[in-house]
Amino acid sequence: MMKEPAVYIMASKKNGTIYTGVTAYLAERIYQHKEGLVKGFTAKYSCKDLVFYELHENIVSAIEREKQIKAGSRKSKIQLIEKMNPTWQDLYKDVIF
């Protein structure tokens, strides 16, 4: 499995509940969320659609970016999503190799 440090946002639906996370293995982590293998927020609120992601050179920069996104308002997160993905389409197919 190839390391792929990334920050990502999962959503329950367009303008629904959103979750921001960070991982070293993007495709595997999103699979875990989609299948409900990750207990907690995403499972509780059915955040199963990958609506935003950013790849990073290393996990340290990914963690720093995650903190920056999480510190922002819901409005700023929605703007970030809609800049990359205006229709809130599930981007999981884009990260499967």
PDB file of N, CA and C in Angstrom:
ATOM      1  N   MET A   1       0.839  -1.173   0.000  1.00  0.00           N
ATOM      2  CA  MET A   1       0.000   0.000   0.000  1.00  0.00           C
ATOM      3  C   MET A   1       0.889   1.243   0.000  1.00  0.00           C
ATOM      4  N   MET A   2       0.531   2.183  -0.859  1.00  0.00           N
ATOM      5  CA  MET A   2       1.322   3.393  -1.005  1.00  0.00           C
ATOM      6  C   MET A   2       0.838   4.478  -0.030  1.00  0.00           C
ATOM      7  N   LYS A   3       1.782   5.093   0.676  1.00  0.00           N
ATOM      8  CA  LYS A   3       1.421   6.204   1.563  1.00  0.00           C
ATOM      9  C   LYS A   3       0.912   7.354   0.726  1.00  0.00           C
ATOM     10  N   GLU A   4      -0.143   7.968   1.214  1.00  0.00           N
ATOM     11  CA  GLU A   4      -0.771   9.087   0.528  1.00  0.00           C
ATOM     12  C   GLU A   4      -1.278  10.081   1.571  1.00  0.00           C
ATOM     13  N   PRO A   5      -0.381  10.823   2.221  1.00  0.00           N
ATOM     14  CA  PRO A   5      -0.828  11.761   3.248  1.00  0.00           C
ATOM     15  C   PRO A   5      -1.850  12.738   2.671  1.00  0.00           C
ATOM     16  N   ALA A   6      -2.957  12.885   3.382  1.00  0.00           N
ATOM     17  CA  ALA A   6      -4.034  13.724   2.866  1.00  0.00           C
ATOM     18  C   ALA A   6      -4.916  14.260   3.982  1.00  0.00           C
ATOM     19  N   VAL A   7      -5.542  15.372   3.686  1.00  0.00           N
ATOM     20  CA  VAL A   7      -6.626  15.926   4.483  1.00  0.00           C
ATOM     21  C   VAL A   7      -7.880  15.673   3.665  1.00  0.00           C
ATOM     22  N   TYR A   8      -8.972  15.339   4.340  1.00  0.00           N
ATOM     23  CA  TYR A   8     -10.196  15.035   3.598  1.00  0.00           C
ATOM     24  C   TYR A   8     -11.418  15.505   4.368  1.00  0.00           C
ATOM     25  N   ILE A   9     -12.509  15.679   3.623  1.00  0.00           N
ATOM     26  CA  ILE A   9     -13.789  16.008   4.237  1.00  0.00           C
ATOM     27  C   ILE A   9     -14.823  15.010   3.743  1.00  0.00           C
ATOM     28  N   MET A  10     -15.521  14.405   4.694  1.00  0.00           N
ATOM     29  CA  MET A  10     -16.628  13.491   4.415  1.00  0.00           C
ATOM     30  C   MET A  10     -17.929  14.238   4.699  1.00  0.00           C
ATOM     31  N   ALA A  11     -19.002  13.880   3.969  1.00  0.00           N
ATOM     32  CA  ALA A  11     -20.301  14.522   4.187  1.00  0.00           C
ATOM     33  C   ALA A  11     -21.414  13.487   4.164  1.00  0.00           C
ATOM     34  N   SER A  12     -22.490  13.808   4.865  1.00  0.00           N
ATOM     35  CA  SER A  12     -23.663  12.937   4.862  1.00  0.00           C
ATOM     36  C   SER A  12     -24.503  13.170   3.611  1.00  0.00           C
ATOM     37  N   LYS A  13     -24.487  14.398   3.103  1.00  0.00           N
ATOM     38  CA  LYS A  13     -25.198  14.795   1.885  1.00  0.00           C
ATOM     39  C   LYS A  13     -24.791  16.231   1.589  1.00  0.00           C
ATOM     40  N   LYS A  14     -25.254  16.786   0.484  1.00  0.00           N
ATOM     41  CA  LYS A  14     -24.930  18.173   0.159  1.00  0.00           C
ATOM     42  C   LYS A  14     -25.442  19.079   1.275  1.00  0.00           C
ATOM     43  N   ASN A  15     -24.566  19.929   1.776  1.00  0.00           N
ATOM     44  CA  ASN A  15     -24.853  20.850   2.874  1.00  0.00           C
ATOM     45  C   ASN A  15     -25.273  20.144   4.164  1.00  0.00           C
ATOM     46  N   GLY A  16     -24.944  18.859   4.270  1.00  0.00           N
ATOM     47  CA  GLY A  16     -25.279  18.094   5.468  1.00  0.00           C
ATOM     48  C   GLY A  16     -24.156  18.142   6.490  1.00  0.00           C
ATOM     49  N   THR A  17     -24.115  17.128   7.313  1.00  0.00           N
ATOM     50  CA  THR A  17     -23.081  17.014   8.334  1.00  0.00           C
ATOM     51  C   THR A  17     -21.743  16.749   7.654  1.00  0.00           C
ATOM     52  N   ILE A  18     -20.692  17.428   8.116  1.00  0.00           N
ATOM     53  CA  ILE A  18     -19.365  17.228   7.529  1.00  0.00           C
ATOM     54  C   ILE A  18     -18.348  16.869   8.611  1.00  0.00           C
ATOM     55  N   TYR A  19     -17.326  16.139   8.174  1.00  0.00           N
ATOM     56  CA  TYR A  19     -16.250  15.687   9.059  1.00  0.00           C
ATOM     57  C   TYR A  19     -14.928  15.920   8.344  1.00  0.00           C
ATOM     58  N   THR A  20     -13.985  16.516   9.032  1.00  0.00           N
ATOM     59  CA  THR A  20     -12.651  16.740   8.483  1.00  0.00           C
ATOM     60  C   THR A  20     -11.672  15.790   9.154  1.00  0.00           C
ATOM     61  N   GLY A  21     -10.854  15.119   8.344  1.00  0.00           N
ATOM     62  CA  GLY A  21      -9.883  14.182   8.886  1.00  0.00           C
ATOM     63  C   GLY A  21      -8.553  14.245   8.162  1.00  0.00           C
ATOM     64  N   VAL A  22      -7.591  13.492   8.682  1.00  0.00           N
ATOM     65  CA  VAL A  22      -6.265  13.400   8.096  1.00  0.00           C
ATOM     66  C   VAL A  22      -5.839  11.938   8.137  1.00  0.00           C
ATOM     67  N   THR A  23      -5.072  11.524   7.139  1.00  0.00           N
ATOM     68  CA  THR A  23      -4.634  10.135   7.072  1.00  0.00           C
ATOM     69  C   THR A  23      -3.354  10.025   6.254  1.00  0.00           C
ATOM     70  N   ALA A  24      -2.639   8.937   6.451  1.00  0.00           N
ATOM     71  CA  ALA A  24      -1.469   8.636   5.624  1.00  0.00           C
ATOM     72  C   ALA A  24      -1.858   7.740   4.445  1.00  0.00           C
ATOM     73  N   TYR A  25      -3.034   7.112   4.535  1.00  0.00           N
ATOM     74  CA  TYR A  25      -3.496   6.161   3.514  1.00  0.00           C
ATOM     75  C   TYR A  25      -4.923   6.518   3.117  1.00  0.00           C
ATOM     76  N   LEU A  26      -5.076   7.429   2.159  1.00  0.00           N
ATOM     77  CA  LEU A  26      -6.378   8.007   1.837  1.00  0.00           C
ATOM     78  C   LEU A  26      -7.418   6.975   1.391  1.00  0.00           C
ATOM     79  N   ALA A  27      -7.117   6.190   0.381  1.00  0.00           N
ATOM     80  CA  ALA A  27      -8.113   5.252  -0.150  1.00  0.00           C
ATOM     81  C   ALA A  27      -8.593   4.274   0.922  1.00  0.00           C
ATOM     82  N   GLU A  28      -7.680   3.747   1.710  1.00  0.00           N
ATOM     83  CA  GLU A  28      -8.047   2.802   2.764  1.00  0.00           C
ATOM     84  C   GLU A  28      -8.922   3.467   3.825  1.00  0.00           C
ATOM     85  N   ARG A  29      -8.565   4.684   4.213  1.00  0.00           N
ATOM     86  CA  ARG A  29      -9.324   5.372   5.259  1.00  0.00           C
ATOM     87  C   ARG A  29     -10.748   5.697   4.795  1.00  0.00           C
ATOM     88  N   ILE A  30     -10.883   6.123   3.550  1.00  0.00           N
ATOM     89  CA  ILE A  30     -12.220   6.447   3.041  1.00  0.00           C
ATOM     90  C   ILE A  30     -13.056   5.176   2.955  1.00  0.00           C
ATOM     91  N   TYR A  31     -12.453   4.084   2.538  1.00  0.00           N
ATOM     92  CA  TYR A  31     -13.157   2.787   2.524  1.00  0.00           C
ATOM     93  C   TYR A  31     -13.677   2.455   3.920  1.00  0.00           C
ATOM     94  N   GLN A  32     -12.844   2.662   4.929  1.00  0.00           N
ATOM     95  CA  GLN A  32     -13.253   2.376   6.309  1.00  0.00           C
ATOM     96  C   GLN A  32     -14.464   3.226   6.713  1.00  0.00           C
ATOM     97  N   HIS A  33     -14.459   4.493   6.341  1.00  0.00           N
ATOM     98  CA  HIS A  33     -15.608   5.356   6.643  1.00  0.00           C
ATOM     99  C   HIS A  33     -16.859   4.874   5.900  1.00  0.00           C
ATOM    100  N   LYS A  34     -16.706   4.574   4.629  1.00  0.00           N
ATOM    101  CA  LYS A  34     -17.858   4.159   3.818  1.00  0.00           C
ATOM    102  C   LYS A  34     -18.493   2.870   4.333  1.00  0.00           C
ATOM    103  N   GLU A  35     -17.677   1.968   4.818  1.00  0.00           N
ATOM    104  CA  GLU A  35     -18.169   0.677   5.291  1.00  0.00           C
ATOM    105  C   GLU A  35     -18.572   0.693   6.769  1.00  0.00           C
ATOM    106  N   GLY A  36     -18.437   1.832   7.418  1.00  0.00           N
ATOM    107  CA  GLY A  36     -18.809   1.945   8.823  1.00  0.00           C
ATOM    108  C   GLY A  36     -17.839   1.252   9.759  1.00  0.00           C
ATOM    109  N   LEU A  37     -16.612   1.046   9.307  1.00  0.00           N
ATOM    110  CA  LEU A  37     -15.601   0.375  10.118  1.00  0.00           C
ATOM    111  C   LEU A  37     -14.961   1.310  11.145  1.00  0.00           C
ATOM    112  N   VAL A  38     -15.150   2.607  10.943  1.00  0.00           N
ATOM    113  CA  VAL A  38     -14.623   3.609  11.857  1.00  0.00           C
ATOM    114  C   VAL A  38     -15.760   4.020  12.781  1.00  0.00           C
ATOM    115  N   LYS A  39     -15.685   3.620  14.012  1.00  0.00           N
ATOM    116  CA  LYS A  39     -16.721   3.977  14.980  1.00  0.00           C
ATOM    117  C   LYS A  39     -16.535   5.435  15.395  1.00  0.00           C
ATOM    118  N   GLY A  40     -17.620   6.111  15.622  1.00  0.00           N
ATOM    119  CA  GLY A  40     -17.527   7.498  16.046  1.00  0.00           C
ATOM    120  C   GLY A  40     -18.374   8.407  15.177  1.00  0.00           C
ATOM    121  N   PHE A  41     -17.884   9.611  14.976  1.00  0.00           N
ATOM    122  CA  PHE A  41     -18.647  10.678  14.336  1.00  0.00           C
ATOM    123  C   PHE A  41     -19.170  10.300  12.951  1.00  0.00           C
ATOM    124  N   THR A  42     -18.294   9.827  12.074  1.00  0.00           N
ATOM    125  CA  THR A  42     -18.731   9.556  10.700  1.00  0.00           C
ATOM    126  C   THR A  42     -19.769   8.444  10.637  1.00  0.00           C
ATOM    127  N   ALA A  43     -19.631   7.443  11.471  1.00  0.00           N
ATOM    128  CA  ALA A  43     -20.620   6.366  11.505  1.00  0.00           C
ATOM    129  C   ALA A  43     -21.935   6.870  12.094  1.00  0.00           C
ATOM    130  N   LYS A  44     -21.845   7.630  13.168  1.00  0.00           N
ATOM    131  CA  LYS A  44     -23.045   8.138  13.845  1.00  0.00           C
ATOM    132  C   LYS A  44     -23.874   9.039  12.935  1.00  0.00           C
ATOM    133  N   TYR A  45     -23.203   9.873  12.143  1.00  0.00           N
ATOM    134  CA  TYR A  45     -23.901  10.851  11.311  1.00  0.00           C
ATOM    135  C   TYR A  45     -23.914  10.478   9.821  1.00  0.00           C
ATOM    136  N   SER A  46     -23.574   9.251   9.499  1.00  0.00           N
ATOM    137  CA  SER A  46     -23.603   8.734   8.115  1.00  0.00           C
ATOM    138  C   SER A  46     -22.827   9.605   7.127  1.00  0.00           C
ATOM    139  N   CYS A  47     -21.647  10.031   7.515  1.00  0.00           N
ATOM    140  CA  CYS A  47     -20.774  10.800   6.623  1.00  0.00           C
ATOM    141  C   CYS A  47     -20.000   9.796   5.772  1.00  0.00           C
ATOM    142  N   LYS A  48     -20.547   9.470   4.616  1.00  0.00           N
ATOM    143  CA  LYS A  48     -19.974   8.421   3.787  1.00  0.00           C
ATOM    144  C   LYS A  48     -19.482   8.900   2.422  1.00  0.00           C
ATOM    145  N   ASP A  49     -19.702  10.170   2.113  1.00  0.00           N
ATOM    146  CA  ASP A  49     -19.270  10.699   0.817  1.00  0.00           C
ATOM    147  C   ASP A  49     -18.003  11.535   0.981  1.00  0.00           C
ATOM    148  N   LEU A  50     -16.986  11.193   0.210  1.00  0.00           N
ATOM    149  CA  LEU A  50     -15.755  11.982   0.176  1.00  0.00           C
ATOM    150  C   LEU A  50     -16.022  13.185  -0.728  1.00  0.00           C
ATOM    151  N   VAL A  51     -16.083  14.375  -0.156  1.00  0.00           N
ATOM    152  CA  VAL A  51     -16.435  15.555  -0.949  1.00  0.00           C
ATOM    153  C   VAL A  51     -15.260  16.507  -1.165  1.00  0.00           C
ATOM    154  N   PHE A  52     -14.151  16.274  -0.456  1.00  0.00           N
ATOM    155  CA  PHE A  52     -12.967  17.121  -0.597  1.00  0.00           C
ATOM    156  C   PHE A  52     -11.749  16.354  -0.124  1.00  0.00           C
ATOM    157  N   TYR A  53     -10.628  16.550  -0.814  1.00  0.00           N
ATOM    158  CA  TYR A  53      -9.360  16.020  -0.316  1.00  0.00           C
ATOM    159  C   TYR A  53      -8.208  16.825  -0.890  1.00  0.00           C
ATOM    160  N   GLU A  54      -7.124  16.848  -0.149  1.00  0.00           N
ATOM    161  CA  GLU A  54      -5.867  17.458  -0.577  1.00  0.00           C
ATOM    162  C   GLU A  54      -4.753  16.477  -0.255  1.00  0.00           C
ATOM    163  N   LEU A  55      -3.941  16.178  -1.237  1.00  0.00           N
ATOM    164  CA  LEU A  55      -2.775  15.322  -1.006  1.00  0.00           C
ATOM    165  C   LEU A  55      -1.612  16.201  -0.544  1.00  0.00           C
ATOM    166  N   HIS A  56      -0.769  15.634   0.306  1.00  0.00           N
ATOM    167  CA  HIS A  56       0.379  16.361   0.851  1.00  0.00           C
ATOM    168  C   HIS A  56       1.647  15.533   0.698  1.00  0.00           C
ATOM    169  N   GLU A  57       2.768  16.234   0.732  1.00  0.00           N
ATOM    170  CA  GLU A  57       4.068  15.578   0.606  1.00  0.00           C
ATOM    171  C   GLU A  57       4.380  14.690   1.803  1.00  0.00           C
ATOM    172  N   ASN A  58       3.900  15.094   2.977  1.00  0.00           N
ATOM    173  CA  ASN A  58       4.179  14.334   4.191  1.00  0.00           C
ATOM    174  C   ASN A  58       3.044  14.511   5.184  1.00  0.00           C
ATOM    175  N   ILE A  59       3.032  13.656   6.183  1.00  0.00           N
ATOM    176  CA  ILE A  59       1.941  13.666   7.156  1.00  0.00           C
ATOM    177  C   ILE A  59       1.965  14.918   8.026  1.00  0.00           C
ATOM    178  N   VAL A  60       3.130  15.480   8.275  1.00  0.00           N
ATOM    179  CA  VAL A  60       3.222  16.683   9.096  1.00  0.00           C
ATOM    180  C   VAL A  60       2.480  17.843   8.430  1.00  0.00           C
ATOM    181  N   SER A  61       2.701  18.045   7.139  1.00  0.00           N
ATOM    182  CA  SER A  61       1.997  19.140   6.453  1.00  0.00           C
ATOM    183  C   SER A  61       0.501  18.851   6.355  1.00  0.00           C
ATOM    184  N   ALA A  62       0.131  17.594   6.228  1.00  0.00           N
ATOM    185  CA  ALA A  62      -1.294  17.230   6.196  1.00  0.00           C
ATOM    186  C   ALA A  62      -1.967  17.543   7.533  1.00  0.00           C
ATOM    187  N   ILE A  63      -1.296  17.234   8.628  1.00  0.00           N
ATOM    188  CA  ILE A  63      -1.839  17.510   9.965  1.00  0.00           C
ATOM    189  C   ILE A  63      -1.977  19.017  10.179  1.00  0.00           C
ATOM    190  N   GLU A  64      -0.986  19.772   9.747  1.00  0.00           N
ATOM    191  CA  GLU A  64      -1.052  21.227   9.883  1.00  0.00           C
ATOM    192  C   GLU A  64      -2.246  21.790   9.113  1.00  0.00           C
ATOM    193  N   ARG A  65      -2.452  21.281   7.905  1.00  0.00           N
ATOM    194  CA  ARG A  65      -3.580  21.742   7.088  1.00  0.00           C
ATOM    195  C   ARG A  65      -4.914  21.332   7.707  1.00  0.00           C
ATOM    196  N   GLU A  66      -4.983  20.131   8.261  1.00  0.00           N
ATOM    197  CA  GLU A  66      -6.215  19.682   8.916  1.00  0.00           C
ATOM    198  C   GLU A  66      -6.574  20.633  10.060  1.00  0.00           C
ATOM    199  N   LYS A  67      -5.591  20.999  10.859  1.00  0.00           N
ATOM    200  CA  LYS A  67      -5.831  21.920  11.970  1.00  0.00           C
ATOM    201  C   LYS A  67      -6.345  23.268  11.460  1.00  0.00           C
ATOM    202  N   GLN A  68      -5.775  23.730  10.361  1.00  0.00           N
ATOM    203  CA  GLN A  68      -6.191  25.001   9.772  1.00  0.00           C
ATOM    204  C   GLN A  68      -7.649  24.922   9.306  1.00  0.00           C
ATOM    205  N   ILE A  69      -8.010  23.835   8.634  1.00  0.00           N
ATOM    206  CA  ILE A  69      -9.382  23.677   8.148  1.00  0.00           C
ATOM    207  C   ILE A  69     -10.348  23.556   9.320  1.00  0.00           C
ATOM    208  N   LYS A  70     -10.010  22.737  10.304  1.00  0.00           N
ATOM    209  CA  LYS A  70     -10.886  22.550  11.463  1.00  0.00           C
ATOM    210  C   LYS A  70     -11.089  23.841  12.250  1.00  0.00           C
ATOM    211  N   ALA A  71     -10.099  24.715  12.259  1.00  0.00           N
ATOM    212  CA  ALA A  71     -10.209  25.984  12.977  1.00  0.00           C
ATOM    213  C   ALA A  71     -11.147  26.961  12.270  1.00  0.00           C
ATOM    214  N   GLY A  72     -11.410  26.712  10.994  1.00  0.00           N
ATOM    215  CA  GLY A  72     -12.280  27.601  10.228  1.00  0.00           C
ATOM    216  C   GLY A  72     -13.751  27.354  10.526  1.00  0.00           C
ATOM    217  N   SER A  73     -14.560  28.228  10.030  1.00  0.00           N
ATOM    218  CA  SER A  73     -16.009  28.132  10.219  1.00  0.00           C
ATOM    219  C   SER A  73     -16.601  27.073   9.287  1.00  0.00           C
ATOM    220  N   ARG A  74     -17.827  26.684   9.574  1.00  0.00           N
ATOM    221  CA  ARG A  74     -18.547  25.767   8.682  1.00  0.00           C
ATOM    222  C   ARG A  74     -18.639  26.385   7.287  1.00  0.00           C
ATOM    223  N   LYS A  75     -18.909  27.687   7.231  1.00  0.00           N
ATOM    224  CA  LYS A  75     -19.012  28.382   5.949  1.00  0.00           C
ATOM    225  C   LYS A  75     -17.715  28.251   5.150  1.00  0.00           C
ATOM    226  N   SER A  76     -16.573  28.406   5.816  1.00  0.00           N
ATOM    227  CA  SER A  76     -15.296  28.298   5.103  1.00  0.00           C
ATOM    228  C   SER A  76     -15.057  26.870   4.611  1.00  0.00           C
ATOM    229  N   LYS A  77     -15.512  25.874   5.366  1.00  0.00           N
ATOM    230  CA  LYS A  77     -15.382  24.481   4.925  1.00  0.00           C
ATOM    231  C   LYS A  77     -16.259  24.219   3.708  1.00  0.00           C
ATOM    232  N   ILE A  78     -17.473  24.751   3.717  1.00  0.00           N
ATOM    233  CA  ILE A  78     -18.376  24.584   2.576  1.00  0.00           C
ATOM    234  C   ILE A  78     -17.791  25.264   1.341  1.00  0.00           C
ATOM    235  N   GLN A  79     -17.215  26.441   1.510  1.00  0.00           N
ATOM    236  CA  GLN A  79     -16.576  27.133   0.385  1.00  0.00           C
ATOM    237  C   GLN A  79     -15.415  26.313  -0.167  1.00  0.00           C
ATOM    238  N   LEU A  80     -14.641  25.698   0.697  1.00  0.00           N
ATOM    239  CA  LEU A  80     -13.528  24.849   0.284  1.00  0.00           C
ATOM    240  C   LEU A  80     -14.036  23.658  -0.527  1.00  0.00           C
ATOM    241  N   ILE A  81     -15.087  23.023  -0.023  1.00  0.00           N
ATOM    242  CA  ILE A  81     -15.687  21.885  -0.739  1.00  0.00           C
ATOM    243  C   ILE A  81     -16.175  22.334  -2.105  1.00  0.00           C
ATOM    244  N   GLU A  82     -16.936  23.409  -2.149  1.00  0.00           N
ATOM    245  CA  GLU A  82     -17.575  23.826  -3.396  1.00  0.00           C
ATOM    246  C   GLU A  82     -16.595  24.374  -4.423  1.00  0.00           C
ATOM    247  N   LYS A  83     -15.434  24.825  -3.977  1.00  0.00           N
ATOM    248  CA  LYS A  83     -14.401  25.255  -4.932  1.00  0.00           C
ATOM    249  C   LYS A  83     -13.863  24.041  -5.697  1.00  0.00           C
ATOM    250  N   MET A  84     -13.667  22.937  -4.992  1.00  0.00           N
ATOM    251  CA  MET A  84     -13.149  21.718  -5.614  1.00  0.00           C
ATOM    252  C   MET A  84     -14.265  20.878  -6.227  1.00  0.00           C
ATOM    253  N   ASN A  85     -15.427  20.888  -5.590  1.00  0.00           N
ATOM    254  CA  ASN A  85     -16.476  19.927  -5.903  1.00  0.00           C
ATOM    255  C   ASN A  85     -17.850  20.602  -5.770  1.00  0.00           C
ATOM    256  N   PRO A  86     -18.222  21.460  -6.737  1.00  0.00           N
ATOM    257  CA  PRO A  86     -19.442  22.258  -6.614  1.00  0.00           C
ATOM    258  C   PRO A  86     -20.729  21.447  -6.437  1.00  0.00           C
ATOM    259  N   THR A  87     -20.756  20.229  -6.921  1.00  0.00           N
ATOM    260  CA  THR A  87     -21.971  19.415  -6.831  1.00  0.00           C
ATOM    261  C   THR A  87     -21.956  18.445  -5.644  1.00  0.00           C
ATOM    262  N   TRP A  88     -20.912  18.490  -4.842  1.00  0.00           N
ATOM    263  CA  TRP A  88     -20.757  17.593  -3.682  1.00  0.00           C
ATOM    264  C   TRP A  88     -20.795  16.123  -4.113  1.00  0.00           C
ATOM    265  N   GLN A  89     -20.262  15.833  -5.250  1.00  0.00           N
ATOM    266  CA  GLN A  89     -20.187  14.459  -5.760  1.00  0.00           C
ATOM    267  C   GLN A  89     -19.234  13.647  -4.887  1.00  0.00           C
ATOM    268  N   ASP A  90     -19.504  12.366  -4.729  1.00  0.00           N
ATOM    269  CA  ASP A  90     -18.605  11.477  -3.974  1.00  0.00           C
ATOM    270  C   ASP A  90     -17.345  11.257  -4.809  1.00  0.00           C
ATOM    271  N   LEU A  91     -16.197  11.657  -4.291  1.00  0.00           N
ATOM    272  CA  LEU A  91     -14.924  11.595  -5.015  1.00  0.00           C
ATOM    273  C   LEU A  91     -14.134  10.312  -4.747  1.00  0.00           C
ATOM    274  N   TYR A  92     -14.739   9.367  -4.067  1.00  0.00           N
ATOM    275  CA  TYR A  92     -14.026   8.145  -3.705  1.00  0.00           C
ATOM    276  C   TYR A  92     -13.424   7.451  -4.912  1.00  0.00           C
ATOM    277  N   LYS A  93     -14.144   7.420  -6.019  1.00  0.00           N
ATOM    278  CA  LYS A  93     -13.636   6.748  -7.214  1.00  0.00           C
ATOM    279  C   LYS A  93     -12.355   7.396  -7.729  1.00  0.00           C
ATOM    280  N   ASP A  94     -12.145   8.664  -7.403  1.00  0.00           N
ATOM    281  CA  ASP A  94     -10.935   9.367  -7.829  1.00  0.00           C
ATOM    282  C   ASP A  94      -9.690   8.969  -7.052  1.00  0.00           C
ATOM    283  N   VAL A  95      -9.887   8.385  -5.855  1.00  0.00           N
ATOM    284  CA  VAL A  95      -8.739   8.048  -5.010  1.00  0.00           C
ATOM    285  C   VAL A  95      -8.432   6.562  -4.974  1.00  0.00           C
ATOM    286  N   ILE A  96      -9.242   5.748  -5.644  1.00  0.00           N
ATOM    287  CA  ILE A  96      -8.983   4.309  -5.699  1.00  0.00           C
ATOM    288  C   ILE A  96      -8.006   4.048  -6.832  1.00  0.00           C
ATOM    289  N   PHE A  97      -6.975   3.313  -6.540  1.00  0.00           N
ATOM    290  CA  PHE A  97      -5.979   3.022  -7.586  1.00  0.00           C
ATOM    291  C   PHE A  97      -5.972   1.572  -7.950  1.00  0.00           C
TER     292      PHE A  97
END
